[in-house]
Protein backbone atom coordinates (compact mmCIF):
# COMPACT_ATOMS: atom_id res chain seq x y z
CA MET A 1 0.16 0.02 0.13
CA ARG A 2 1.59 3.57 -0.33
CA LYS A 3 1.74 6.23 1.80
CA THR A 4 -1.32 7.96 2.96
CA ALA A 5 -0.03 11.08 1.71
CA ASP A 6 0.09 9.81 -1.77
CA LEU A 7 -3.98 8.82 -1.38
CA VAL A 8 -4.60 12.19 -0.19
CA ASN A 9 -2.85 13.80 -3.07
CA GLU A 10 -4.84 11.46 -5.97
CA MET A 11 -8.14 12.48 -4.09
CA PHE A 12 -7.03 16.20 -4.76
CA ASP A 13 -6.18 15.31 -8.20
CA GLU A 14 -9.38 13.47 -8.81
CA ALA A 15 -11.50 16.83 -7.28
CA LYS A 16 -10.43 18.74 -9.66
CA GLY A 17 -13.86 19.70 -11.41
CA ALA A 18 -16.18 17.45 -9.26
CA ARG A 19 -18.37 18.42 -6.97
CA LEU A 20 -17.33 16.01 -3.97
CA VAL A 21 -14.45 13.12 -4.20
CA ALA A 22 -14.22 11.06 -1.13
CA ILE A 23 -11.62 8.30 0.05
CA ALA A 24 -13.77 5.20 0.80
CA VAL A 25 -12.19 3.34 3.93
CA GLY A 26 -13.09 -0.08 4.63
CA PHE A 27 -13.51 -1.82 8.11
CA GLU A 28 -14.91 -4.92 8.77
CA THR A 29 -18.80 -4.18 9.22
CA GLU A 30 -18.94 -0.46 7.95
CA THR A 31 -17.09 2.46 5.52
CA GLU A 32 -16.03 5.62 6.90
CA PHE A 33 -15.07 8.19 4.49
CA VAL A 34 -12.22 11.06 4.01
CA PHE A 35 -13.75 13.81 1.79
CA ASN A 36 -11.98 16.31 -0.17
CA THR A 37 -13.51 19.14 1.97
CA THR A 38 -12.74 17.12 5.13
CA PRO A 39 -10.76 19.32 7.51
CA HIS A 40 -7.18 17.77 8.05
CA PRO A 41 -8.05 14.89 5.59
CA LEU A 42 -4.19 13.51 5.91
CA GLU A 43 -4.63 13.35 9.95
CA LYS A 44 -7.96 11.68 9.45
CA LEU A 45 -7.12 9.21 6.74
CA ASN A 46 -4.08 8.32 9.34
CA TYR A 47 -6.46 8.05 12.17
CA LEU A 48 -8.91 5.72 10.17
CA VAL A 49 -5.80 3.42 9.20
CA GLY A 50 -4.44 3.24 12.56
CA LYS A 51 -8.08 1.86 13.58
CA GLY A 52 -7.52 -1.09 10.94
CA GLY A 53 -9.69 0.59 8.22
CA ALA A 54 -8.19 0.02 4.92
CA PRO A 55 -8.64 2.66 1.62
CA VAL A 56 -10.01 0.79 -1.06
CA GLY A 57 -10.68 3.88 -3.83
CA LEU A 58 -12.11 7.13 -4.49
CA LEU A 59 -15.74 7.84 -5.15
CA ARG A 60 -16.54 11.15 -7.25
CA PHE A 61 -19.77 13.12 -7.80
CA GLU A 62 -20.04 15.67 -10.42
CA ARG A 63 -23.13 17.78 -11.33
CA GLU A 64 -25.38 16.48 -14.01
CA GLY A 65 -28.06 18.52 -14.66
CA SER A 66 -29.94 19.29 -11.27
CA GLY A 67 -28.59 16.16 -10.07
CA LEU A 68 -25.25 14.19 -9.08
CA GLN A 69 -23.73 11.73 -11.09
CA GLY A 70 -21.68 9.16 -8.97
CA SER A 71 -18.56 7.00 -10.18
CA TYR A 72 -15.54 5.43 -8.59
CA ARG A 73 -12.26 4.02 -9.47
CA PRO A 74 -10.43 1.64 -7.36
CA PHE A 75 -6.95 2.34 -5.99
CA GLU A 76 -4.10 1.03 -8.01
CA GLU A 77 -3.50 -1.53 -5.40
CA TYR A 78 -6.92 -3.05 -5.72
CA LYS A 79 -7.61 -2.41 -9.41
CA ASP A 80 -7.75 -6.31 -10.48
CA GLU A 81 -9.90 -7.32 -7.55
CA PRO A 82 -13.74 -7.84 -8.52
CA TRP A 83 -14.48 -7.07 -4.92
CA ALA A 84 -13.24 -3.94 -4.46
CA ASN A 85 -15.28 -2.66 -7.76
CA GLU A 86 -18.57 -4.46 -6.35
CA TYR A 87 -17.83 -2.94 -2.78
CA LEU A 88 -17.23 0.72 -4.54
CA ALA A 89 -20.32 -0.07 -6.84
CA GLY A 90 -22.79 -0.82 -3.63
CA LEU A 91 -21.32 2.22 -1.86
CA LEU A 92 -22.73 4.51 -4.82
CA LYS A 93 -26.10 3.07 -3.89
CA ASN A 94 -26.00 5.21 -0.65
CA ALA A 95 -24.90 8.24 -2.57
CA ALA A 96 -27.14 10.87 -1.13
CA GLU A 97 -26.41 9.61 2.23
CA ILE A 98 -22.41 9.56 1.67
CA ILE A 99 -22.70 13.36 0.13
CA ALA A 100 -24.85 14.18 3.76
CA LEU A 101 -22.35 12.97 5.39
CA SER A 102 -19.26 15.24 3.65
CA GLN A 103 -21.46 18.05 5.44
CA HIS A 104 -21.19 16.97 8.85
CA GLY A 105 -17.34 17.98 9.70
CA PRO A 106 -15.09 15.47 11.03
CA ALA A 107 -15.85 12.58 12.59
CA PHE A 108 -12.96 11.55 14.59
CA PRO A 109 -12.00 13.62 18.09
CA ALA A 110 -10.84 17.00 18.16
CA ALA A 111 -8.00 16.76 20.48
CA TYR A 112 -5.92 14.96 17.58
């Protein structure tokens, strides 16, 4: 796995021209997200990885007419893994909830 800083930089590159981009961090029973709008995204990603999360890929949301269109891309490390594509595609079924999460600020302790 690449350095978390590389993944955050990849997220910001992907965010050019997008409404919202998120790193999907998978845990055994849940998924958490690091958004391009997250304050201190590298610290949050490091925190989530430290808790045992695995950064799987990127979710990208773009304006399309009056709505948003979502797409996904696994990170290079998982590009040939069918489960990674299925996992990310499944997350897009909850696009509205994911976008809403991006508007709630940091989801980890403020005393970091």
